C-alpha atoms as a PDB file:
ATOM      1  CA  MET A   1     117.359  93.921 117.710  1.00  0.00           C
ATOM      2  CA  GLY A   2     116.437  96.805 115.531  1.00  0.00           C
ATOM      3  CA  ASP A   3     113.077  98.169 114.546  1.00  0.00           C
ATOM      4  CA  PRO A   4     113.105  96.566 111.061  1.00  0.00           C
ATOM      5  CA  PHE A   5     113.507  93.105 112.589  1.00  0.00           C
ATOM      6  CA  ILE A   6     110.606  93.669 114.990  1.00  0.00           C
ATOM      7  CA  LEU A   7     108.421  94.959 112.149  1.00  0.00           C
ATOM      8  CA  PHE A   8     109.286  91.950 109.970  1.00  0.00           C
ATOM      9  CA  ALA A   9     108.561  89.526 112.834  1.00  0.00           C
ATOM     10  CA  GLY A  10     105.207  91.213 113.418  1.00  0.00           C
ATOM     11  CA  ILE A  11     104.253  90.955 109.756  1.00  0.00           C
ATOM     12  CA  VAL A  12     105.233  87.259 109.628  1.00  0.00           C
ATOM     13  CA  ALA A  13     103.252  86.531 112.815  1.00  0.00           C
ATOM     14  CA  THR A  14     100.208  88.347 111.427  1.00  0.00           C
ATOM     15  CA  VAL A  15     100.311  86.424 108.142  1.00  0.00           C
ATOM     16  CA  LEU A  16     100.643  83.088 109.965  1.00  0.00           C
ATOM     17  CA  PHE A  17      97.734  84.001 112.241  1.00  0.00           C
ATOM     18  CA  LEU A  18      95.495  84.934 109.311  1.00  0.00           C
ATOM     19  CA  VAL A  19      96.338  81.722 107.430  1.00  0.00           C
ATOM     20  CA  GLY A  20      95.590  79.626 110.514  1.00  0.00           C
ATOM     21  CA  TYR A  21      92.364  81.520 111.167  1.00  0.00           C
ATOM     22  CA  GLY A  22      91.243  81.031 107.568  1.00  0.00           C
ATOM     23  CA  LEU A  23      91.930  77.298 107.721  1.00  0.00           C
ATOM     24  CA  THR A  24      89.981  77.050 110.972  1.00  0.00           C
ATOM     25  CA  ILE A  25      86.970  78.843 109.493  1.00  0.00           C
ATOM     26  CA  LYS A  26      87.109  76.579 106.419  1.00  0.00           C
ATOM     27  CA  GLU A  27      87.177  73.482 108.638  1.00  0.00           C
ATOM     28  CA  MET A  28      84.220  74.737 110.704  1.00  0.00           C
ATOM     29  CA  ARG A  29      82.166  75.345 107.560  1.00  0.00           C
ATOM     30  CA  GLU A  30      82.875  71.812 106.347  1.00  0.00           C
ATOM     31  CA  LEU A  31      81.716  70.424 109.693  1.00  0.00           C
ATOM     32  CA  GLU A  32      78.518  72.506 109.500  1.00  0.00           C
ATOM     33  CA  ASP A  33      77.862  71.186 105.984  1.00  0.00           C
ATOM     34  CA  GLU A  34      78.327  67.636 107.248  1.00  0.00           C
ATOM     35  CA  ARG A  35      75.751  68.194 110.006  1.00  0.00           C
ATOM     36  CA  VAL A  36      73.179  69.418 107.480  1.00  0.00           C
ATOM     37  CA  THR A  37      73.200  66.117 105.595  1.00  0.00           C
ATOM     38  CA  ASP A  38      71.025  63.213 106.769  1.00  0.00           C
ATOM     39  CA  SER A  39      73.808  60.678 107.111  1.00  0.00           C
ATOM     40  CA  PHE A  40      77.411  60.421 108.198  1.00  0.00           C
ATOM     41  CA  PRO A  41      80.293  58.828 106.275  1.00  0.00           C
ATOM     42  CA  GLU A  42      80.099  55.103 105.707  1.00  0.00           C
ATOM     43  CA  GLU A  43      82.056  54.173 108.850  1.00  0.00           C
ATOM     44  CA  SER A  44      78.988  55.228 110.852  1.00  0.00           C
ATOM     45  CA  ASN A  45      75.438  54.065 110.250  1.00  0.00           C
ATOM     46  CA  ALA A  46      73.843  56.717 112.480  1.00  0.00           C
ATOM     47  CA  GLU A  47      71.341  59.164 111.020  1.00  0.00           C
ATOM     48  CA  ILE A  48      70.322  62.578 112.262  1.00  0.00           C
ATOM     49  CA  LYS A  49      66.734  62.785 113.425  1.00  0.00           C
ATOM     50  CA  LYS A  50      65.145  66.248 113.130  1.00  0.00           C
END
């Protein structure tokens, strides 16, 4: 394996990591937004008491 192949593999791995990290952060923000509201989706009738 030559240096260009290793460099290309590193770039691909970095891009995949950043995409996965971004999706994870997006998902965490959506979960935080859901906790701020006073009720859950309709399949649950629980309410958050502050």
